[in-house]
Amino acid sequence: MTTTPEPEMIEAQTMQPNAGEFHSRAGARGRIAILVAAAVGALAFLIYSGIHSRAAAESRLKQRTEEAAIPTVAVVFPREGAPTQEIVLPGNTQAFSDAPIYARTSGYLRHWYFDIGAHVRKGQLLAEIETPEVDQQLQQAQADLDTAQANLNIAKITASRWQDLVSTGSVSQQETDQAVSNLSAVKAAAESSAANVRRLEELQSFEKVYAPFDGIITARNTDIGALIDAGANTQPRELFHIAAIRTLRLYVAVPEVYSRAARAGAEAVLTLDEFPAQTFHGTLVRNANSIDIASRTLLAEVDVDNPGGQLLPGAYVFVHLKLPEETRSVTIPSNTLIFRKEGLQVGLVRDGKADLVPVKISRDYGNSVEIVSGLQPTDAVIVDPSDSLVAGMPLRVSNKSASGPGR
């Protein structure tokens, strides 16, 4: 016998699967939401990580770029020298008197009496010149003078006679005045002839060439029979060169910073390479009292007695001048100097930044220079500074650990 289910039971059975399906769908939606949220979070984390990583990379790149933009320089420390008590300056000896000897009359050299190296006294005869043209001109001038003297004598007699006759009325006053005037003209002509004779006598006296002062003949540029032309339109030819070496003088360029040492009366000591164990003493007699703008030096003259002639003109000497007080200095390489319109400067590294300071040079040794003002032994001086170096620029020192004061 078949039993027919009741409608309520059928409805209950039908509703039970729908509730399970509902719960199943709700769980699926929750899982999907969680997955979506996780995906969104992961995406947000990836985006944040990428942005943060890029920002960090940009920050590191900027930092590295800024660090790379800081110039790297090498530095040296000034080398301190001993206190300077004297300065040594180069100089060249010169004869106290030095003169070329020229001829003042034209002709041919008859004879010369002294050659190079000869000691001569003032007024000694050095050479004789034959001047036939001057001799003939002098004879002609003397003849003209004799004629003028004769004319002057007759003019004097004539004027005297006419003056005596005019008082008796034998001649006119006009004729007397003409005679007196003629006397004046003839007298002037006679004086002109006498002056011409004296001129030619002076020229003739130049036939003999004499030494103008005591000295040594250092050059002879003529020989017997050589043509001597003293014309105004020709280049004069030097016959002899004479130098007085009993006292020598030399000129020294004293740096401006040591100009106080160049006082008149100061003692100077001279040393020469050819006399390594000997010194010579001189006196600073004068200075120019003006600083040379181009070289920034003071020109001074030192005179040295040389009675034995041991020192020769033109010799290269070292002049030692004592300073009025000790001067401390430091030495730096020449490739650290900066030449700009502000003057001579050097670049220093202080607290990681550049600083430009003015300096003063006392002596230049070529590869290095001696500085007497502006630097201390503890200053880090920049080597080969660039043209773009300015004060306050950040710098990086490449050899700071390798260099230090006193090294």
Protein backbone atom coordinates (compact mmCIF):
# COMPACT_ATOMS: atom_id res chain seq x y z
CA MET A 1 0.00 0.00 0.00
CA THR A 2 1.48 3.21 -1.10
CA THR A 3 1.50 6.16 1.22
CA THR A 4 1.21 9.62 -0.34
CA PRO A 5 3.44 12.24 1.35
CA GLU A 6 1.76 15.18 2.76
CA PRO A 7 2.25 18.61 1.25
CA GLU A 8 3.99 20.05 4.34
CA MET A 9 6.63 17.37 4.25
CA ILE A 10 7.21 17.90 0.57
CA GLU A 11 7.69 21.65 1.13
CA ALA A 12 10.06 21.06 4.00
CA GLN A 13 12.11 18.69 1.94
CA THR A 14 12.16 21.20 -0.89
CA MET A 15 13.35 24.10 1.35
CA GLN A 16 16.25 22.27 3.00
CA PRO A 17 18.42 22.16 -0.15
CA ASN A 18 17.79 25.90 -0.80
CA ALA A 19 19.13 26.91 2.61
CA GLY A 20 22.31 24.91 2.10
CA GLU A 21 22.80 26.47 -1.23
CA PHE A 22 22.33 29.91 0.33
CA HIS A 23 24.96 29.26 2.93
CA SER A 24 27.27 27.90 0.29
CA ARG A 25 26.86 31.03 -1.82
CA ALA A 26 27.41 33.34 1.15
CA GLY A 27 30.66 31.53 2.00
CA ALA A 28 31.83 31.80 -1.58
CA ARG A 29 31.16 35.52 -1.63
CA GLY A 30 33.11 35.95 1.63
CA ARG A 31 36.04 34.07 0.24
CA ILE A 32 35.95 36.13 -2.92
CA ALA A 33 35.86 39.35 -0.87
CA ILE A 34 38.83 38.15 1.16
CA LEU A 35 40.72 37.26 -1.98
CA VAL A 36 39.87 40.62 -3.56
CA ALA A 37 40.95 42.44 -0.40
CA ALA A 38 44.16 40.43 -0.29
CA ALA A 39 44.79 41.17 -3.95
CA VAL A 40 44.10 44.87 -3.44
CA GLY A 41 46.40 44.88 -0.40
CA ALA A 42 49.09 43.06 -2.30
CA LEU A 43 48.72 45.48 -5.21
CA ALA A 44 48.82 48.45 -2.84
CA PHE A 45 51.89 46.98 -1.15
CA LEU A 46 53.56 46.45 -4.50
CA ILE A 47 52.72 50.02 -5.58
CA TYR A 48 53.97 51.41 -2.26
CA SER A 49 57.10 49.29 -2.41
CA GLY A 50 57.79 50.44 -5.98
CA ILE A 51 57.23 54.10 -5.17
CA HIS A 52 59.30 53.85 -1.97
CA SER A 53 62.06 51.98 -3.78
CA ARG A 54 62.09 54.57 -6.61
CA ALA A 55 62.11 57.44 -4.12
CA ALA A 56 64.94 55.82 -2.22
CA ALA A 57 66.84 55.24 -5.46
CA GLU A 58 66.28 58.84 -6.52
CA SER A 59 67.45 60.03 -3.11
CA ARG A 60 70.58 57.86 -3.33
CA LEU A 61 71.21 59.03 -6.90
CA LYS A 62 70.83 62.67 -5.87
CA GLN A 63 73.17 62.13 -2.94
CA ARG A 64 75.73 60.39 -5.12
CA THR A 65 75.40 63.11 -7.76
CA GLU A 66 75.94 65.82 -5.19
CA GLU A 67 78.90 63.90 -3.78
CA ALA A 68 80.32 63.41 -7.27
CA ALA A 69 79.93 67.15 -7.95
CA ILE A 70 82.28 68.01 -5.06
CA PRO A 71 85.79 68.50 -6.55
CA THR A 72 88.57 66.31 -5.24
CA VAL A 73 91.87 68.10 -4.67
CA ALA A 74 95.35 67.22 -3.52
CA VAL A 75 96.97 69.32 -0.82
CA VAL A 76 100.46 69.96 0.49
CA PHE A 77 101.59 71.56 3.70
CA PRO A 78 104.10 74.45 3.62
CA ARG A 79 107.63 73.52 4.61
CA GLU A 80 108.93 75.82 7.30
CA GLY A 81 112.45 77.17 6.87
CA ALA A 82 114.95 78.49 9.34
CA PRO A 83 114.61 82.16 10.34
CA THR A 84 116.14 84.33 7.62
CA GLN A 85 118.94 86.59 8.85
CA GLU A 86 120.30 87.53 5.44
CA ILE A 87 119.25 87.49 1.83
CA VAL A 88 121.39 86.30 -1.07
CA LEU A 89 120.81 88.04 -4.38
CA PRO A 90 122.50 87.63 -7.77
CA GLY A 91 124.39 90.43 -9.45
CA ASN A 92 126.95 91.25 -12.15
CA THR A 93 130.08 93.27 -11.53
CA GLN A 94 130.69 96.35 -13.66
CA ALA A 95 133.67 98.62 -14.09
CA PHE A 96 133.34 101.82 -12.13
CA SER A 97 134.11 103.75 -15.32
CA ASP A 98 133.68 102.17 -18.74
CA ALA A 99 134.08 104.04 -22.00
CA PRO A 100 134.54 103.37 -25.72
CA ILE A 101 137.30 105.44 -27.40
CA TYR A 102 136.44 106.97 -30.79
CA ALA A 103 138.40 109.17 -33.17
CA ARG A 104 137.37 112.81 -33.63
CA THR A 105 139.29 113.30 -36.87
CA SER A 106 139.48 111.37 -40.13
CA GLY A 107 142.58 109.73 -41.55
CA TYR A 108 144.63 106.54 -41.32
CA LEU A 109 145.92 104.88 -38.17
CA ARG A 110 149.66 105.46 -38.00
CA HIS A 111 150.43 103.51 -34.84
CA TRP A 112 148.82 102.01 -31.73
CA TYR A 113 150.69 101.59 -28.45
CA PHE A 114 148.54 99.40 -26.16
CA ASP A 115 146.70 96.14 -26.67
CA ILE A 116 144.01 94.36 -24.63
CA GLY A 117 144.84 93.81 -20.97
CA ALA A 118 147.27 96.71 -20.82
CA HIS A 119 147.11 99.00 -17.80
CA VAL A 120 147.19 102.65 -18.83
CA ARG A 121 147.30 105.92 -16.97
CA LYS A 122 145.18 108.97 -17.61
CA GLY A 123 146.69 111.01 -20.48
CA GLN A 124 148.82 108.21 -21.92
CA LEU A 125 149.04 108.10 -25.72
CA LEU A 126 147.05 105.17 -27.11
CA ALA A 127 147.34 105.71 -30.87
CA GLU A 128 148.27 108.22 -33.59
CA ILE A 129 146.28 109.03 -36.73
CA GLU A 130 147.61 110.51 -39.98
CA THR A 131 145.31 113.33 -41.15
CA PRO A 132 146.71 114.80 -44.40
CA GLU A 133 143.43 116.49 -45.31
CA VAL A 134 143.17 118.23 -41.96
CA ASP A 135 146.82 119.29 -42.19
CA GLN A 136 146.24 120.87 -45.61
CA GLN A 137 143.05 122.57 -44.42
CA LEU A 138 144.96 123.98 -41.47
CA GLN A 139 147.70 125.38 -43.75
CA GLN A 140 145.05 126.98 -45.95
CA ALA A 141 143.31 128.46 -42.94
CA GLN A 142 146.56 129.89 -41.64
CA ALA A 143 147.22 131.48 -45.03
CA ASP A 144 143.72 132.96 -45.01
CA LEU A 145 144.39 134.26 -41.53
CA ASP A 146 147.62 135.91 -42.70
CA THR A 147 145.70 137.58 -45.54
CA ALA A 148 143.03 138.76 -43.15
CA GLN A 149 145.66 140.14 -40.79
CA ALA A 150 147.29 142.07 -43.67
CA ASN A 151 143.95 143.47 -44.75
CA LEU A 152 143.24 144.40 -41.15
CA ASN A 153 146.53 146.30 -40.86
CA ILE A 154 145.94 148.31 -44.04
CA ALA A 155 142.37 149.00 -42.99
CA LYS A 156 143.58 150.33 -39.65
CA ILE A 157 146.10 152.65 -41.39
CA THR A 158 143.51 153.87 -43.89
CA ALA A 159 140.90 154.57 -41.25
CA SER A 160 143.43 156.44 -39.11
CA ARG A 161 144.55 158.64 -42.05
CA TRP A 162 141.00 159.51 -43.09
CA GLN A 163 140.14 160.48 -39.54
CA ASP A 164 143.15 162.83 -39.46
CA LEU A 165 142.28 164.38 -42.84
CA VAL A 166 138.61 164.92 -42.08
CA SER A 167 139.55 167.33 -39.29
CA THR A 168 141.33 169.59 -41.85
CA GLY A 169 138.52 169.31 -44.36
CA SER A 170 140.67 167.51 -46.91
CA VAL A 171 138.21 164.57 -47.15
CA SER A 172 134.51 164.28 -46.61
CA GLN A 173 132.90 162.77 -43.57
CA GLN A 174 131.23 160.16 -45.77
CA GLU A 175 134.55 158.83 -47.01
CA THR A 176 135.86 158.74 -43.43
CA ASP A 177 132.84 156.75 -42.23
CA GLN A 178 133.31 154.25 -45.05
CA ALA A 179 136.95 153.74 -44.07
CA VAL A 180 136.01 153.15 -40.42
CA SER A 181 133.24 150.75 -41.42
CA ASN A 182 135.62 148.86 -43.69
CA LEU A 183 138.02 148.50 -40.75
CA SER A 184 135.26 146.83 -38.68
CA ALA A 185 134.41 144.41 -41.51
CA VAL A 186 138.05 143.46 -42.10
CA LYS A 187 138.55 142.98 -38.35
CA ALA A 188 135.55 140.58 -38.21
CA ALA A 189 136.91 138.62 -41.18
CA ALA A 190 140.27 138.33 -39.44
CA GLU A 191 138.59 137.02 -36.29
CA SER A 192 136.65 134.48 -38.34
CA SER A 193 139.86 133.26 -39.97
CA ALA A 194 141.50 132.96 -36.54
CA ALA A 195 138.55 130.90 -35.26
CA ASN A 196 138.78 128.59 -38.25
CA VAL A 197 142.48 128.08 -37.57
CA ARG A 198 141.75 127.21 -33.94
CA ARG A 199 139.07 124.71 -35.05
CA LEU A 200 141.45 122.95 -37.40
CA GLU A 201 144.17 122.96 -34.78
CA GLU A 202 141.76 121.18 -32.42
CA LEU A 203 141.00 118.63 -35.11
CA GLN A 204 144.68 118.17 -35.73
CA SER A 205 145.22 117.61 -32.00
CA PHE A 206 142.82 114.65 -32.24
CA GLU A 207 145.47 112.91 -34.31
CA LYS A 208 146.74 111.68 -30.96
CA VAL A 209 144.33 109.49 -28.95
CA TYR A 210 144.84 109.63 -25.17
CA ALA A 211 143.45 107.58 -22.27
CA PRO A 212 140.65 109.50 -20.50
CA PHE A 213 141.27 107.84 -17.10
CA ASP A 214 143.32 105.15 -15.38
CA GLY A 215 142.14 101.74 -16.47
CA ILE A 216 142.64 98.60 -18.53
CA ILE A 217 142.26 98.26 -22.29
CA THR A 218 139.54 95.64 -22.74
CA ALA A 219 139.19 95.87 -26.54
CA ARG A 220 141.21 97.07 -29.55
CA ASN A 221 139.23 97.30 -32.77
CA THR A 222 141.73 98.90 -35.13
CA ASP A 223 145.16 98.31 -36.63
CA ILE A 224 147.90 100.17 -38.48
CA GLY A 225 146.70 101.53 -41.82
CA ALA A 226 143.00 101.23 -40.96
CA LEU A 227 140.79 104.01 -42.33
CA ILE A 228 139.43 106.25 -39.61
CA ASP A 229 136.25 108.10 -40.60
CA ALA A 230 134.85 110.49 -38.03
CA GLY A 231 132.27 111.99 -40.36
CA ALA A 232 128.87 112.94 -38.99
CA ASN A 233 127.07 110.88 -41.67
CA THR A 234 128.85 107.61 -40.95
CA GLN A 235 128.70 105.09 -38.14
CA PRO A 236 131.65 105.80 -35.82
CA ARG A 237 134.12 102.98 -35.32
CA GLU A 238 135.34 102.22 -31.83
CA LEU A 239 139.13 102.22 -31.60
CA PHE A 240 139.60 101.06 -28.01
CA HIS A 241 137.51 100.18 -24.98
CA ILE A 242 138.81 101.11 -21.55
CA ALA A 243 137.52 100.14 -18.11
CA ALA A 244 138.50 101.32 -14.66
CA ILE A 245 138.42 98.25 -12.38
CA ARG A 246 140.23 99.49 -9.30
CA THR A 247 136.73 99.92 -7.88
CA LEU A 248 133.84 97.82 -9.16
CA ARG A 249 130.16 98.52 -8.88
CA LEU A 250 127.26 96.14 -9.16
CA TYR A 251 123.51 96.64 -9.18
CA VAL A 252 121.21 94.40 -7.16
CA ALA A 253 117.43 94.12 -7.41
CA VAL A 254 116.25 93.78 -3.80
CA PRO A 255 112.70 92.36 -3.36
CA GLU A 256 110.23 94.85 -1.95
CA VAL A 257 109.67 92.77 1.18
CA TYR A 258 113.41 93.08 1.99
CA SER A 259 113.82 96.69 0.87
CA ARG A 260 114.73 97.77 4.42
CA ALA A 261 117.99 95.86 4.03
CA ALA A 262 119.01 98.16 1.14
CA ARG A 263 120.01 101.11 3.29
CA ALA A 264 122.97 103.31 2.35
CA GLY A 265 126.14 102.36 4.21
CA ALA A 266 125.11 98.73 4.78
CA GLU A 267 127.84 96.13 4.44
CA ALA A 268 127.56 93.61 1.62
CA VAL A 269 129.47 90.35 1.35
CA LEU A 270 130.20 88.95 -2.11
CA THR A 271 130.85 85.32 -3.02
CA LEU A 272 131.83 83.92 -6.42
CA ASP A 273 131.88 80.39 -7.78
CA GLU A 274 135.48 80.80 -8.98
CA PHE A 275 136.56 81.70 -5.42
CA PRO A 276 134.66 79.11 -3.31
CA ALA A 277 136.67 79.68 -0.13
CA GLN A 278 136.97 83.46 -0.34
CA THR A 279 134.65 86.37 0.34
CA PHE A 280 134.82 89.98 -0.77
CA HIS A 281 133.42 92.97 1.07
CA GLY A 282 131.59 95.92 -0.40
CA THR A 283 129.38 98.78 0.68
CA LEU A 284 125.86 99.58 -0.39
CA VAL A 285 126.29 103.22 -1.43
CA ARG A 286 122.85 104.16 -2.78
CA ASN A 287 119.47 102.89 -3.91
CA ALA A 288 116.88 104.12 -6.37
CA ASN A 289 114.40 105.16 -3.63
CA SER A 290 111.65 103.82 -5.86
CA ILE A 291 110.07 100.38 -6.24
CA ASP A 292 109.99 99.04 -9.79
CA ILE A 293 106.31 98.43 -10.56
CA ALA A 294 107.03 95.59 -12.99
CA SER A 295 109.38 93.52 -10.81
CA ARG A 296 108.47 94.88 -7.35
CA THR A 297 112.14 95.31 -6.51
CA LEU A 298 114.36 98.14 -5.29
CA LEU A 299 117.51 98.78 -7.32
CA ALA A 300 120.61 99.20 -5.13
CA GLU A 301 124.28 99.85 -5.97
CA VAL A 302 127.15 98.13 -4.17
CA ASP A 303 130.74 99.37 -4.60
CA VAL A 304 133.66 96.98 -4.05
CA ASP A 305 137.33 97.93 -3.76
CA ASN A 306 139.42 95.90 -6.18
CA PRO A 307 143.00 97.24 -5.94
CA GLY A 308 144.59 93.98 -7.07
CA GLY A 309 142.23 93.46 -9.99
CA GLN A 310 141.21 90.05 -8.67
CA LEU A 311 137.57 90.64 -9.54
CA LEU A 312 136.77 91.12 -13.20
CA PRO A 313 133.97 93.19 -14.75
CA GLY A 314 131.02 91.11 -15.87
CA ALA A 315 131.53 88.40 -13.24
CA TYR A 316 128.44 86.72 -11.79
CA VAL A 317 128.38 87.16 -8.01
CA PHE A 318 126.12 86.50 -5.04
CA VAL A 319 125.48 89.48 -2.78
CA HIS A 320 124.74 88.75 0.89
CA LEU A 321 122.80 91.50 2.68
CA LYS A 322 121.99 91.34 6.39
CA LEU A 323 118.37 91.90 7.36
CA PRO A 324 117.51 94.38 10.13
CA GLU A 325 115.52 91.62 11.86
CA GLU A 326 114.83 87.90 11.50
CA THR A 327 112.15 86.93 9.00
CA ARG A 328 110.30 83.60 9.11
CA SER A 329 109.16 82.03 5.90
CA VAL A 330 107.66 78.86 4.43
CA THR A 331 108.23 77.16 1.09
CA ILE A 332 105.51 75.83 -1.22
CA PRO A 333 105.55 74.37 -4.76
CA SER A 334 105.15 76.84 -7.62
CA ASN A 335 102.11 74.97 -8.96
CA THR A 336 100.05 76.07 -5.96
CA LEU A 337 100.05 79.77 -6.89
CA ILE A 338 96.98 81.50 -8.29
CA PHE A 339 97.46 84.57 -10.50
CA ARG A 340 94.32 86.71 -10.68
CA LYS A 341 93.37 90.37 -10.78
CA GLU A 342 93.17 90.35 -6.97
CA GLY A 343 96.91 89.62 -6.86
CA LEU A 344 98.95 86.57 -6.00
CA GLN A 345 96.93 84.02 -3.98
CA VAL A 346 96.91 80.39 -2.88
CA GLY A 347 93.93 78.12 -2.22
CA LEU A 348 93.49 76.44 1.17
CA VAL A 349 91.15 73.71 2.42
CA ARG A 350 89.52 74.72 5.71
CA ASP A 351 86.64 72.75 7.22
CA GLY A 352 86.00 71.04 3.90
CA LYS A 353 85.68 74.30 1.98
CA ALA A 354 87.98 76.39 -0.18
CA ASP A 355 89.57 79.59 1.09
CA LEU A 356 91.68 82.00 -0.98
CA VAL A 357 94.41 83.93 0.84
CA PRO A 358 96.90 86.51 -0.52
CA VAL A 359 100.61 85.75 -0.16
CA LYS A 360 103.93 87.54 -0.67
CA ILE A 361 106.95 85.94 -2.34
CA SER A 362 110.47 86.69 -1.20
CA ARG A 363 112.46 84.36 -3.44
CA ASP A 364 111.62 82.24 -6.46
CA TYR A 365 113.52 78.96 -6.76
CA GLY A 366 111.79 77.84 -9.96
CA ASN A 367 109.93 74.72 -8.82
CA SER A 368 109.18 76.28 -5.43
CA VAL A 369 108.80 79.74 -3.91
CA GLU A 370 109.51 81.20 -0.50
CA ILE A 371 106.50 82.86 1.15
CA VAL A 372 107.01 85.41 3.93
CA SER A 373 103.41 86.46 4.50
CA GLY A 374 100.00 84.78 4.37
CA LEU A 375 100.72 81.12 5.19
CA GLN A 376 101.31 78.92 8.24
CA PRO A 377 102.93 75.48 8.29
CA THR A 378 99.57 73.93 9.26
CA ASP A 379 97.66 75.27 6.23
CA ALA A 380 96.54 72.70 3.65
CA VAL A 381 97.50 74.28 0.32
CA ILE A 382 95.72 73.10 -2.83
CA VAL A 383 97.97 71.74 -5.59
CA ASP A 384 97.16 72.76 -9.19
CA PRO A 385 94.05 74.79 -8.31
CA SER A 386 91.46 75.08 -11.08
CA ASP A 387 90.42 78.38 -12.63
CA SER A 388 86.89 77.87 -11.26
CA LEU A 389 88.03 77.68 -7.65
CA VAL A 390 86.18 80.21 -5.48
CA ALA A 391 86.05 80.82 -1.76
CA GLY A 392 83.43 78.71 0.08
CA MET A 393 83.35 75.93 -2.52
CA PRO A 394 83.05 72.45 -0.87
CA LEU A 395 86.08 70.27 -1.51
CA ARG A 396 87.20 66.73 -0.90
CA VAL A 397 90.85 66.08 -0.07
CA SER A 398 92.33 63.03 -1.78
CA ASN A 399 95.64 62.81 0.10
CA LYS A 400 94.82 64.22 3.50
CA SER A 401 96.01 61.13 5.31
CA ALA A 402 99.20 61.02 3.26
CA SER A 403 100.27 64.58 3.87
CA GLY A 404 100.64 66.56 7.00
CA PRO A 405 102.54 69.39 8.55
CA GLY A 406 106.23 68.72 8.69
CA ARG A 407 106.13 65.85 6.23
